N, C-alpha and C. Protein backbone atom coordinates (compact mmCIF):
# COMPACT_ATOMS: atom_id res chain seq x y z
N MET A 1 116.09 86.99 90.69
CA MET A 1 114.82 87.11 90.00
C MET A 1 114.76 86.15 88.83
N GLN A 2 115.88 85.96 88.15
CA GLN A 2 115.92 85.12 86.97
C GLN A 2 115.47 83.70 87.28
N SER A 3 115.95 83.13 88.42
CA SER A 3 115.58 81.77 88.76
C SER A 3 114.10 81.63 89.04
N ILE A 4 113.47 82.68 89.60
CA ILE A 4 112.04 82.64 89.88
C ILE A 4 111.25 82.60 88.58
N TRP A 5 111.64 83.40 87.59
CA TRP A 5 110.96 83.39 86.29
C TRP A 5 111.08 82.00 85.67
N ARG A 6 112.27 81.40 85.71
CA ARG A 6 112.48 80.10 85.09
C ARG A 6 111.67 79.03 85.82
N LEU A 7 111.63 79.07 87.13
CA LEU A 7 110.85 78.11 87.89
C LEU A 7 109.39 78.16 87.48
N PHE A 8 108.85 79.37 87.39
CA PHE A 8 107.45 79.52 87.03
C PHE A 8 107.12 78.92 85.68
N LEU A 9 107.92 79.26 84.66
CA LEU A 9 107.62 78.75 83.32
C LEU A 9 107.79 77.25 83.24
N LEU A 10 108.80 76.72 83.93
CA LEU A 10 109.03 75.28 83.91
C LEU A 10 107.85 74.56 84.55
N LEU A 11 107.39 75.07 85.68
CA LEU A 11 106.23 74.46 86.33
C LEU A 11 105.01 74.52 85.44
N LEU A 12 104.81 75.65 84.81
CA LEU A 12 103.65 75.84 83.97
C LEU A 12 103.67 74.87 82.80
N ALA A 13 104.84 74.68 82.21
CA ALA A 13 104.95 73.82 81.04
C ALA A 13 104.76 72.35 81.39
N LEU A 14 105.17 71.94 82.59
CA LEU A 14 105.19 70.53 82.92
C LEU A 14 104.03 70.06 83.78
N ALA A 15 103.45 70.95 84.58
CA ALA A 15 102.60 70.45 85.64
C ALA A 15 101.18 70.97 85.69
N CYS A 16 100.85 72.04 85.00
CA CYS A 16 99.62 72.70 85.37
C CYS A 16 98.43 72.44 84.47
N LEU A 17 98.58 71.65 83.39
CA LEU A 17 97.48 71.53 82.45
C LEU A 17 96.81 70.17 82.52
N THR A 18 95.51 70.16 82.38
CA THR A 18 94.76 68.92 82.36
C THR A 18 94.93 68.25 81.00
N PRO A 19 94.76 66.92 80.92
CA PRO A 19 94.89 66.23 79.64
C PRO A 19 93.95 66.76 78.57
N SER A 20 92.73 67.14 78.93
CA SER A 20 91.77 67.61 77.95
C SER A 20 92.23 68.92 77.32
N PHE A 21 92.80 69.80 78.14
CA PHE A 21 93.30 71.08 77.61
C PHE A 21 94.54 70.85 76.76
N ALA A 22 95.41 70.00 77.23
CA ALA A 22 96.68 69.76 76.54
C ALA A 22 96.50 69.04 75.22
N SER A 23 95.35 68.42 74.98
CA SER A 23 95.14 67.64 73.78
C SER A 23 94.73 68.48 72.58
N THR A 24 94.39 69.74 72.78
CA THR A 24 93.95 70.58 71.67
C THR A 24 95.14 71.04 70.84
N GLN A 25 94.88 71.38 69.58
CA GLN A 25 95.93 71.88 68.71
C GLN A 25 96.50 73.19 69.22
N PHE A 26 95.61 74.04 69.74
CA PHE A 26 96.07 75.32 70.28
C PHE A 26 97.06 75.09 71.42
N GLU A 27 96.73 74.14 72.30
CA GLU A 27 97.62 73.89 73.44
C GLU A 27 98.96 73.34 72.99
N LYS A 28 98.97 72.51 71.95
CA LYS A 28 100.24 71.99 71.46
C LYS A 28 101.12 73.12 70.94
N GLU A 29 100.48 74.10 70.30
CA GLU A 29 101.23 75.23 69.78
C GLU A 29 101.69 76.16 70.90
N ILE A 30 100.86 76.31 71.93
CA ILE A 30 101.24 77.12 73.09
C ILE A 30 102.42 76.48 73.82
N GLU A 31 102.47 75.15 73.82
CA GLU A 31 103.60 74.47 74.46
C GLU A 31 104.93 74.91 73.86
N ALA A 32 104.94 75.06 72.53
CA ALA A 32 106.15 75.51 71.86
C ALA A 32 106.50 76.93 72.27
N VAL A 33 105.49 77.76 72.47
CA VAL A 33 105.71 79.13 72.94
C VAL A 33 106.32 79.12 74.33
N ARG A 34 105.81 78.27 75.20
CA ARG A 34 106.35 78.18 76.57
C ARG A 34 107.83 77.83 76.54
N GLU A 35 108.18 76.90 75.65
CA GLU A 35 109.57 76.46 75.59
C GLU A 35 110.51 77.61 75.23
N VAL A 36 110.16 78.36 74.17
CA VAL A 36 111.04 79.46 73.76
C VAL A 36 111.00 80.60 74.78
N TYR A 37 109.85 80.78 75.43
CA TYR A 37 109.74 81.83 76.45
C TYR A 37 110.60 81.49 77.66
N LEU A 38 110.60 80.22 78.03
CA LEU A 38 111.43 79.76 79.15
C LEU A 38 112.89 80.06 78.90
N ILE A 39 113.35 79.75 77.69
CA ILE A 39 114.74 80.03 77.33
C ILE A 39 115.01 81.53 77.36
N ALA A 40 114.03 82.31 76.89
CA ALA A 40 114.21 83.77 76.80
C ALA A 40 114.30 84.43 78.17
N THR A 41 113.79 83.75 79.22
CA THR A 41 113.83 84.36 80.55
C THR A 41 115.26 84.54 81.06
N ASP A 42 116.23 83.90 80.41
CA ASP A 42 117.63 84.12 80.80
C ASP A 42 118.13 85.49 80.37
N GLY A 43 117.36 86.16 79.51
CA GLY A 43 117.70 87.53 79.16
C GLY A 43 118.57 87.69 77.93
N ASN A 44 118.94 86.58 77.27
CA ASN A 44 119.75 86.67 76.06
C ASN A 44 118.94 87.32 74.95
N ALA A 45 119.51 88.36 74.31
CA ALA A 45 118.78 89.12 73.31
C ALA A 45 118.33 88.25 72.14
N ARG A 46 119.19 87.34 71.70
CA ARG A 46 118.83 86.47 70.58
C ARG A 46 117.66 85.56 70.95
N ASP A 47 117.67 85.02 72.17
CA ASP A 47 116.59 84.15 72.62
C ASP A 47 115.27 84.92 72.74
N ILE A 48 115.37 86.16 73.19
CA ILE A 48 114.17 87.00 73.29
C ILE A 48 113.58 87.26 71.91
N ARG A 49 114.46 87.54 70.94
CA ARG A 49 113.98 87.75 69.56
C ARG A 49 113.34 86.48 69.00
N ARG A 50 113.94 85.35 69.31
CA ARG A 50 113.40 84.07 68.83
C ARG A 50 112.02 83.81 69.42
N ALA A 51 111.87 84.09 70.71
CA ALA A 51 110.57 83.91 71.35
C ALA A 51 109.53 84.86 70.77
N ALA A 52 109.95 86.10 70.55
CA ALA A 52 109.04 87.10 69.98
C ALA A 52 108.57 86.68 68.59
N LYS A 53 109.48 86.14 67.78
CA LYS A 53 109.13 85.68 66.44
C LYS A 53 108.12 84.54 66.51
N LYS A 54 108.34 83.58 67.39
CA LYS A 54 107.44 82.44 67.53
C LYS A 54 106.05 82.91 67.95
N ILE A 55 106.01 83.83 68.86
CA ILE A 55 104.73 84.33 69.35
C ILE A 55 103.99 85.11 68.26
N ARG A 56 104.73 85.90 67.48
CA ARG A 56 104.11 86.65 66.37
C ARG A 56 103.49 85.70 65.35
N GLN A 57 104.18 84.59 65.08
CA GLN A 57 103.65 83.60 64.14
C GLN A 57 102.34 83.01 64.65
N LEU A 58 102.31 82.69 65.93
CA LEU A 58 101.10 82.10 66.51
C LEU A 58 99.98 83.13 66.61
N GLU A 59 100.36 84.38 66.83
CA GLU A 59 99.36 85.45 66.93
C GLU A 59 98.60 85.61 65.61
N LYS A 60 99.26 85.35 64.48
CA LYS A 60 98.60 85.44 63.18
C LYS A 60 97.51 84.37 63.05
N GLN A 61 97.73 83.23 63.68
CA GLN A 61 96.75 82.15 63.63
C GLN A 61 95.59 82.39 64.60
N TYR A 62 95.90 83.02 65.73
CA TYR A 62 94.89 83.25 66.76
C TYR A 62 94.91 84.73 67.17
N PRO A 63 94.50 85.62 66.25
CA PRO A 63 94.56 87.06 66.56
C PRO A 63 93.67 87.43 67.75
N GLY A 64 94.26 88.21 68.64
CA GLY A 64 93.51 88.69 69.79
C GLY A 64 93.38 87.71 70.94
N ASN A 65 94.01 86.52 70.82
CA ASN A 65 93.92 85.55 71.92
C ASN A 65 94.66 86.09 73.14
N PRO A 66 94.02 86.15 74.30
CA PRO A 66 94.64 86.78 75.47
C PRO A 66 95.88 86.06 76.01
N LEU A 67 95.92 84.73 75.88
CA LEU A 67 97.10 84.01 76.36
C LEU A 67 98.31 84.33 75.50
N ILE A 68 98.11 84.38 74.20
CA ILE A 68 99.20 84.73 73.30
C ILE A 68 99.63 86.18 73.55
N LEU A 69 98.67 87.06 73.75
CA LEU A 69 98.99 88.46 74.06
C LEU A 69 99.80 88.56 75.35
N ALA A 70 99.43 87.77 76.35
CA ALA A 70 100.16 87.80 77.63
C ALA A 70 101.62 87.40 77.43
N TYR A 71 101.85 86.34 76.65
CA TYR A 71 103.22 85.92 76.38
C TYR A 71 103.96 86.95 75.53
N LYS A 72 103.25 87.56 74.57
CA LYS A 72 103.87 88.60 73.75
C LYS A 72 104.32 89.77 74.60
N GLY A 73 103.44 90.21 75.50
CA GLY A 73 103.80 91.29 76.42
C GLY A 73 104.92 90.89 77.35
N GLY A 74 104.91 89.63 77.78
CA GLY A 74 105.95 89.14 78.67
C GLY A 74 107.32 89.16 78.04
N VAL A 75 107.39 88.82 76.76
CA VAL A 75 108.67 88.84 76.05
C VAL A 75 109.25 90.25 76.04
N LEU A 76 108.42 91.24 75.73
CA LEU A 76 108.90 92.62 75.73
C LEU A 76 109.28 93.07 77.14
N ALA A 77 108.49 92.64 78.13
CA ALA A 77 108.76 93.04 79.51
C ALA A 77 110.07 92.46 80.02
N LEU A 78 110.53 91.35 79.43
CA LEU A 78 111.81 90.78 79.83
C LEU A 78 112.94 91.78 79.69
N ARG A 79 112.77 92.71 78.77
CA ARG A 79 113.80 93.72 78.55
C ARG A 79 113.97 94.64 79.76
N GLY A 80 112.97 94.69 80.61
CA GLY A 80 113.05 95.57 81.76
C GLY A 80 113.73 94.98 82.96
N LYS A 81 114.19 93.74 82.84
CA LYS A 81 114.83 93.10 83.99
C LYS A 81 116.19 93.71 84.31
N GLU A 82 116.84 94.29 83.29
CA GLU A 82 118.16 94.88 83.51
C GLU A 82 118.16 96.29 82.95
N ILE A 83 117.43 97.16 83.62
CA ILE A 83 117.24 98.51 83.08
C ILE A 83 118.51 99.35 83.14
N GLY A 84 119.56 98.82 83.76
CA GLY A 84 120.80 99.57 83.83
C GLY A 84 121.48 99.72 82.47
N LYS A 85 121.22 98.79 81.56
CA LYS A 85 121.81 98.84 80.23
C LYS A 85 120.81 99.48 79.27
N ARG A 86 121.21 100.57 78.65
CA ARG A 86 120.33 101.32 77.75
C ARG A 86 118.94 101.48 78.39
N PRO A 87 118.88 102.12 79.55
CA PRO A 87 117.64 102.17 80.33
C PRO A 87 116.44 102.73 79.59
N LEU A 88 116.63 103.76 78.77
CA LEU A 88 115.49 104.35 78.08
C LEU A 88 114.88 103.38 77.08
N ASP A 89 115.75 102.69 76.34
CA ASP A 89 115.25 101.71 75.36
C ASP A 89 114.54 100.57 76.07
N ARG A 90 115.13 100.09 77.13
CA ARG A 90 114.54 98.97 77.86
C ARG A 90 113.21 99.37 78.50
N MET A 91 113.15 100.56 79.04
CA MET A 91 111.92 101.01 79.66
C MET A 91 110.80 101.15 78.64
N ARG A 92 111.15 101.66 77.46
CA ARG A 92 110.13 101.81 76.41
C ARG A 92 109.58 100.44 75.99
N GLU A 93 110.48 99.48 75.80
CA GLU A 93 110.04 98.15 75.39
C GLU A 93 109.23 97.48 76.49
N THR A 94 109.67 97.66 77.72
CA THR A 94 108.94 97.05 78.83
C THR A 94 107.56 97.68 78.97
N GLU A 95 107.47 98.99 78.85
CA GLU A 95 106.16 99.65 78.93
C GLU A 95 105.25 99.17 77.81
N GLU A 96 105.81 98.97 76.63
CA GLU A 96 105.01 98.44 75.52
C GLU A 96 104.49 97.05 75.87
N GLY A 97 105.39 96.23 76.45
CA GLY A 97 104.98 94.89 76.87
C GLY A 97 103.87 94.93 77.91
N LEU A 98 103.98 95.86 78.84
CA LEU A 98 102.95 95.99 79.89
C LEU A 98 101.61 96.42 79.29
N HIS A 99 101.65 97.29 78.29
CA HIS A 99 100.41 97.70 77.62
C HIS A 99 99.75 96.51 76.93
N ILE A 100 100.57 95.64 76.34
CA ILE A 100 100.02 94.45 75.68
C ILE A 100 99.42 93.50 76.71
N ILE A 101 100.10 93.35 77.85
CA ILE A 101 99.55 92.50 78.91
C ILE A 101 98.24 93.08 79.43
N ASP A 102 98.19 94.39 79.57
CA ASP A 102 96.94 95.03 79.99
C ASP A 102 95.81 94.71 79.01
N ARG A 103 96.13 94.72 77.72
CA ARG A 103 95.13 94.40 76.70
C ARG A 103 94.70 92.93 76.83
N ALA A 104 95.66 92.06 77.13
CA ALA A 104 95.33 90.65 77.32
C ALA A 104 94.36 90.48 78.48
N LEU A 105 94.62 91.18 79.58
CA LEU A 105 93.75 91.07 80.75
C LEU A 105 92.36 91.61 80.46
N ARG A 106 92.27 92.68 79.67
CA ARG A 106 90.95 93.21 79.30
C ARG A 106 90.19 92.21 78.42
N THR A 107 90.94 91.58 77.51
CA THR A 107 90.32 90.61 76.59
C THR A 107 89.78 89.40 77.34
N LEU A 108 90.43 89.05 78.44
CA LEU A 108 90.00 87.89 79.22
C LEU A 108 88.55 88.02 79.73
N ARG A 109 88.08 89.24 79.89
CA ARG A 109 86.75 89.45 80.43
C ARG A 109 85.66 88.83 79.56
N SER A 110 85.91 88.76 78.27
CA SER A 110 84.91 88.20 77.36
C SER A 110 85.40 86.92 76.67
N HIS A 111 86.57 86.42 77.10
CA HIS A 111 87.15 85.24 76.45
C HIS A 111 86.42 83.98 76.89
N LYS A 112 86.19 83.07 75.94
CA LYS A 112 85.43 81.85 76.21
C LYS A 112 86.30 80.59 76.20
N GLY A 113 87.58 80.75 76.33
CA GLY A 113 88.48 79.59 76.29
C GLY A 113 88.42 78.76 77.57
N HIS A 114 89.19 77.68 77.58
CA HIS A 114 89.28 76.80 78.75
C HIS A 114 89.73 77.60 79.97
N TYR A 115 89.19 77.28 81.12
CA TYR A 115 89.50 78.10 82.30
C TYR A 115 90.99 78.06 82.64
N LEU A 116 91.68 76.95 82.33
CA LEU A 116 93.12 76.90 82.61
C LEU A 116 93.90 77.83 81.68
N GLU A 117 93.39 78.02 80.48
CA GLU A 117 94.01 78.98 79.57
C GLU A 117 93.90 80.39 80.14
N ILE A 118 92.75 80.70 80.72
CA ILE A 118 92.54 82.01 81.33
C ILE A 118 93.43 82.19 82.56
N VAL A 119 93.48 81.15 83.38
CA VAL A 119 94.33 81.20 84.58
C VAL A 119 95.80 81.38 84.19
N GLU A 120 96.24 80.67 83.16
CA GLU A 120 97.63 80.78 82.72
C GLU A 120 97.96 82.20 82.27
N ALA A 121 97.05 82.80 81.50
CA ALA A 121 97.28 84.17 81.03
C ALA A 121 97.42 85.13 82.21
N ARG A 122 96.57 84.95 83.21
CA ARG A 122 96.63 85.82 84.38
C ARG A 122 97.89 85.57 85.19
N LEU A 123 98.32 84.31 85.22
CA LEU A 123 99.53 83.99 85.98
C LEU A 123 100.78 84.51 85.28
N VAL A 124 100.79 84.47 83.95
CA VAL A 124 101.90 85.07 83.20
C VAL A 124 101.99 86.56 83.55
N ALA A 125 100.84 87.23 83.51
CA ALA A 125 100.81 88.66 83.84
C ALA A 125 101.29 88.90 85.27
N THR A 126 100.85 88.06 86.18
CA THR A 126 101.22 88.21 87.59
C THR A 126 102.73 88.15 87.78
N TYR A 127 103.36 87.14 87.21
CA TYR A 127 104.80 86.98 87.41
C TYR A 127 105.59 88.10 86.76
N VAL A 128 105.08 88.64 85.67
CA VAL A 128 105.73 89.82 85.08
C VAL A 128 105.62 90.99 86.04
N PHE A 129 104.43 91.25 86.53
CA PHE A 129 104.19 92.42 87.39
C PHE A 129 105.00 92.37 88.67
N ILE A 130 105.04 91.21 89.32
CA ILE A 130 105.69 91.15 90.64
C ILE A 130 107.21 91.03 90.56
N ASN A 131 107.73 90.73 89.35
CA ASN A 131 109.18 90.59 89.22
C ASN A 131 109.88 91.79 88.62
N LEU A 132 109.12 92.71 88.01
CA LEU A 132 109.74 93.92 87.50
C LEU A 132 110.05 94.88 88.66
N PRO A 133 111.06 95.72 88.51
CA PRO A 133 111.37 96.69 89.58
C PRO A 133 110.18 97.61 89.84
N ASP A 134 109.62 97.53 91.03
CA ASP A 134 108.40 98.29 91.30
C ASP A 134 108.67 99.78 91.42
N SER A 135 109.89 100.16 91.77
CA SER A 135 110.23 101.58 91.87
C SER A 135 110.21 102.26 90.50
N VAL A 136 110.27 101.44 89.45
CA VAL A 136 110.27 101.98 88.09
C VAL A 136 108.92 101.79 87.40
N PHE A 137 108.35 100.57 87.51
CA PHE A 137 107.17 100.24 86.72
C PHE A 137 105.86 100.22 87.53
N HIS A 138 105.96 100.14 88.84
CA HIS A 138 104.79 100.29 89.72
C HIS A 138 103.67 99.29 89.39
N ARG A 139 104.03 98.02 89.31
CA ARG A 139 103.04 97.00 89.00
C ARG A 139 102.88 95.94 90.10
N LEU A 140 103.62 96.08 91.18
CA LEU A 140 103.56 95.08 92.25
C LEU A 140 102.17 94.97 92.84
N ARG A 141 101.54 96.10 93.10
CA ARG A 141 100.21 96.08 93.70
C ARG A 141 99.20 95.37 92.81
N GLU A 142 99.28 95.62 91.52
CA GLU A 142 98.37 94.97 90.58
C GLU A 142 98.64 93.47 90.52
N GLY A 143 99.92 93.11 90.54
CA GLY A 143 100.27 91.70 90.53
C GLY A 143 99.74 90.98 91.76
N GLN A 144 99.88 91.63 92.91
CA GLN A 144 99.36 91.04 94.15
C GLN A 144 97.84 90.89 94.08
N HIS A 145 97.16 91.85 93.47
CA HIS A 145 95.71 91.78 93.34
C HIS A 145 95.28 90.59 92.48
N ILE A 146 96.01 90.36 91.39
CA ILE A 146 95.68 89.22 90.53
C ILE A 146 95.92 87.90 91.27
N VAL A 147 97.00 87.85 92.05
CA VAL A 147 97.27 86.65 92.85
C VAL A 147 96.10 86.35 93.78
N LYS A 148 95.59 87.37 94.43
CA LYS A 148 94.45 87.18 95.33
C LYS A 148 93.23 86.66 94.58
N GLN A 149 93.03 87.18 93.36
CA GLN A 149 91.91 86.71 92.55
C GLN A 149 92.09 85.25 92.16
N LEU A 150 93.32 84.87 91.83
CA LEU A 150 93.58 83.47 91.48
C LEU A 150 93.38 82.55 92.67
N LEU A 151 93.79 83.00 93.84
CA LEU A 151 93.61 82.20 95.05
C LEU A 151 92.13 82.00 95.36
N ALA A 152 91.31 82.99 94.97
CA ALA A 152 89.87 82.92 95.24
C ALA A 152 89.10 82.33 94.06
N HIS A 153 89.80 81.82 93.06
CA HIS A 153 89.14 81.28 91.86
C HIS A 153 88.21 80.12 92.27
N PRO A 154 86.99 80.07 91.74
CA PRO A 154 86.05 79.01 92.13
C PRO A 154 86.52 77.60 91.77
N GLN A 155 87.45 77.50 90.80
CA GLN A 155 87.97 76.19 90.41
C GLN A 155 89.33 75.90 91.04
N PHE A 156 89.75 76.72 92.00
CA PHE A 156 91.11 76.59 92.51
C PHE A 156 91.39 75.19 93.05
N GLU A 157 90.47 74.65 93.82
CA GLU A 157 90.70 73.33 94.43
C GLU A 157 90.75 72.22 93.39
N LYS A 158 90.22 72.47 92.20
CA LYS A 158 90.22 71.46 91.15
C LYS A 158 91.42 71.60 90.22
N MET A 159 92.17 72.68 90.38
CA MET A 159 93.34 72.88 89.53
C MET A 159 94.41 71.84 89.83
N PRO A 160 95.22 71.50 88.84
CA PRO A 160 96.35 70.59 89.10
C PRO A 160 97.23 71.11 90.23
N GLN A 161 97.82 70.21 90.96
CA GLN A 161 98.62 70.59 92.13
C GLN A 161 99.76 71.53 91.77
N GLY A 162 100.39 71.28 90.62
CA GLY A 162 101.50 72.14 90.22
C GLY A 162 101.06 73.57 89.99
N LEU A 163 99.86 73.75 89.45
CA LEU A 163 99.35 75.09 89.20
C LEU A 163 98.97 75.78 90.51
N GLN A 164 98.34 75.03 91.42
CA GLN A 164 98.03 75.60 92.74
C GLN A 164 99.32 76.08 93.42
N ALA A 165 100.34 75.25 93.35
CA ALA A 165 101.61 75.60 94.00
C ALA A 165 102.24 76.82 93.35
N ALA A 166 102.12 76.94 92.01
CA ALA A 166 102.68 78.10 91.32
C ALA A 166 101.98 79.38 91.76
N ILE A 167 100.67 79.30 92.00
CA ILE A 167 99.92 80.46 92.46
C ILE A 167 100.32 80.81 93.89
N TYR A 168 100.44 79.80 94.75
CA TYR A 168 100.89 80.05 96.12
C TYR A 168 102.29 80.67 96.11
N PHE A 169 103.15 80.17 95.21
CA PHE A 169 104.52 80.68 95.15
C PHE A 169 104.53 82.14 94.71
N ALA A 170 103.64 82.49 93.78
CA ALA A 170 103.54 83.88 93.36
C ALA A 170 103.09 84.76 94.53
N ALA A 171 102.17 84.24 95.32
CA ALA A 171 101.71 84.98 96.51
C ALA A 171 102.86 85.18 97.50
N ALA A 172 103.71 84.17 97.61
CA ALA A 172 104.87 84.27 98.51
C ALA A 172 105.86 85.33 98.01
N ILE A 173 106.07 85.38 96.69
CA ILE A 173 106.97 86.39 96.13
C ILE A 173 106.44 87.79 96.40
N ALA A 174 105.13 87.97 96.17
CA ALA A 174 104.52 89.28 96.42
C ALA A 174 104.66 89.68 97.88
N ALA A 175 104.44 88.72 98.77
CA ALA A 175 104.58 89.00 100.20
C ALA A 175 106.01 89.40 100.54
N LYS A 176 106.96 88.72 99.92
CA LYS A 176 108.37 89.06 100.16
C LYS A 176 108.68 90.47 99.71
N LYS A 177 108.11 90.87 98.56
CA LYS A 177 108.34 92.22 98.04
C LYS A 177 107.80 93.28 99.00
N TYR A 178 106.75 92.90 99.75
CA TYR A 178 106.17 93.83 100.73
C TYR A 178 106.78 93.64 102.12
N ASN A 179 107.86 92.84 102.19
CA ASN A 179 108.56 92.58 103.46
C ASN A 179 107.64 91.97 104.52
N ASN A 180 106.67 91.18 104.06
CA ASN A 180 105.75 90.51 104.97
C ASN A 180 106.21 89.06 105.11
N THR A 181 107.15 88.83 106.02
CA THR A 181 107.75 87.51 106.18
C THR A 181 106.73 86.48 106.65
N THR A 182 105.82 86.88 107.51
CA THR A 182 104.81 85.95 108.01
C THR A 182 103.94 85.41 106.88
N GLN A 183 103.47 86.31 106.02
CA GLN A 183 102.64 85.89 104.89
C GLN A 183 103.46 85.11 103.87
N GLN A 184 104.70 85.53 103.66
CA GLN A 184 105.56 84.81 102.74
C GLN A 184 105.72 83.35 103.19
N LYS A 185 105.99 83.15 104.45
CA LYS A 185 106.15 81.80 104.99
C LYS A 185 104.86 81.01 104.85
N HIS A 186 103.74 81.66 105.10
CA HIS A 186 102.44 81.00 105.01
C HIS A 186 102.21 80.45 103.60
N TYR A 187 102.48 81.25 102.58
CA TYR A 187 102.24 80.81 101.21
C TYR A 187 103.28 79.80 100.74
N LEU A 188 104.48 79.90 101.23
CA LEU A 188 105.49 78.88 100.91
C LEU A 188 105.08 77.54 101.50
N GLU A 189 104.55 77.55 102.70
CA GLU A 189 104.08 76.31 103.33
C GLU A 189 102.92 75.71 102.54
N LEU A 190 102.02 76.56 102.04
CA LEU A 190 100.90 76.08 101.23
C LEU A 190 101.40 75.50 99.90
N ALA A 191 102.42 76.15 99.31
CA ALA A 191 103.00 75.64 98.07
C ALA A 191 103.63 74.26 98.30
N LEU A 192 104.32 74.13 99.41
CA LEU A 192 104.94 72.85 99.75
C LEU A 192 103.88 71.77 99.97
N LYS A 193 102.81 72.14 100.65
CA LYS A 193 101.73 71.19 100.93
C LYS A 193 101.01 70.79 99.65
N ALA A 194 100.81 71.75 98.74
CA ALA A 194 100.07 71.48 97.50
C ALA A 194 100.86 70.58 96.56
N ASP A 195 102.18 70.72 96.55
CA ASP A 195 103.00 70.00 95.57
C ASP A 195 104.31 69.56 96.21
N PRO A 196 104.24 68.71 97.24
CA PRO A 196 105.45 68.39 98.03
C PRO A 196 106.56 67.71 97.24
N ASN A 197 106.21 66.95 96.23
CA ASN A 197 107.22 66.22 95.48
C ASN A 197 107.57 66.87 94.15
N GLY A 198 106.90 67.97 93.84
CA GLY A 198 107.17 68.66 92.59
C GLY A 198 108.23 69.73 92.75
N LYS A 199 108.57 70.36 91.65
CA LYS A 199 109.63 71.37 91.67
C LYS A 199 109.22 72.58 92.50
N SER A 200 107.94 72.95 92.44
CA SER A 200 107.51 74.10 93.22
C SER A 200 107.57 73.81 94.71
N GLY A 201 107.16 72.59 95.09
CA GLY A 201 107.23 72.21 96.49
C GLY A 201 108.65 72.19 97.00
N GLN A 202 109.56 71.67 96.18
CA GLN A 202 110.97 71.62 96.57
C GLN A 202 111.57 73.02 96.68
N GLN A 203 111.18 73.91 95.75
CA GLN A 203 111.67 75.28 95.81
C GLN A 203 111.13 75.98 97.05
N ALA A 204 109.85 75.73 97.35
CA ALA A 204 109.26 76.32 98.56
C ALA A 204 109.98 75.82 99.81
N LYS A 205 110.34 74.56 99.80
CA LYS A 205 111.06 73.97 100.93
C LYS A 205 112.41 74.65 101.14
N ILE A 206 113.09 74.93 100.03
CA ILE A 206 114.39 75.62 100.11
C ILE A 206 114.21 77.03 100.67
N GLN A 207 113.19 77.73 100.16
CA GLN A 207 112.94 79.09 100.62
C GLN A 207 112.57 79.12 102.10
N LEU A 208 111.82 78.13 102.54
CA LEU A 208 111.46 78.05 103.96
C LEU A 208 112.69 77.85 104.84
N LYS A 209 113.63 77.07 104.36
CA LYS A 209 114.87 76.85 105.11
C LYS A 209 115.64 78.16 105.25
N HIS A 210 115.64 78.96 104.18
CA HIS A 210 116.34 80.25 104.23
C HIS A 210 115.68 81.17 105.25
N LEU A 211 114.36 81.07 105.37
CA LEU A 211 113.64 81.94 106.31
C LEU A 211 113.93 81.57 107.76
N THR A 212 114.16 80.30 108.00
CA THR A 212 114.38 79.85 109.38
C THR A 212 115.83 79.92 109.81
N ASN A 213 116.75 80.07 108.85
CA ASN A 213 118.17 80.14 109.19
C ASN A 213 118.59 81.55 109.59
């Protein structure tokens, strides 16, 4: 699971944003959040605290911003990846993170930011939902629903190839969680087609090889 989280954040940081979105001051600051969040996905407690601190600082500048809320919730949800250690504490923190992500998703309904900012917030939520243990947190179905919404986004065909591939890859993960190998293969093939030379395409290619072996 850890490698999937890292792949997603790396793709998001490098491939999914248009020049116009990336040129804003907000986007430059979000880039720094992505960097610390990527490091925190390894699960090191110090890195998670560092990411949380960075996000809190940015939240003061942009209170109520749904993308920042999504990352804030994601940092807390990282604690739920290894619920075997101090399970009650980790579950409480993860549930708190999920509540924050829920608030981010509600805020998106009236948010007027760049559409890629909205897509990113939803994709952050999606990867959290589909990667947490569903027997404990019961968020897989919701994550799959968001993936379907992203696939049906009216701007999907105009999104950068890396972002399209990241969405297809999320759909493949969800399909795998439901033991739907046919659908998993279908979305991996789409990810490979969307971004054949990128990291997501290469990862999809590897996963496809595993399915055929």
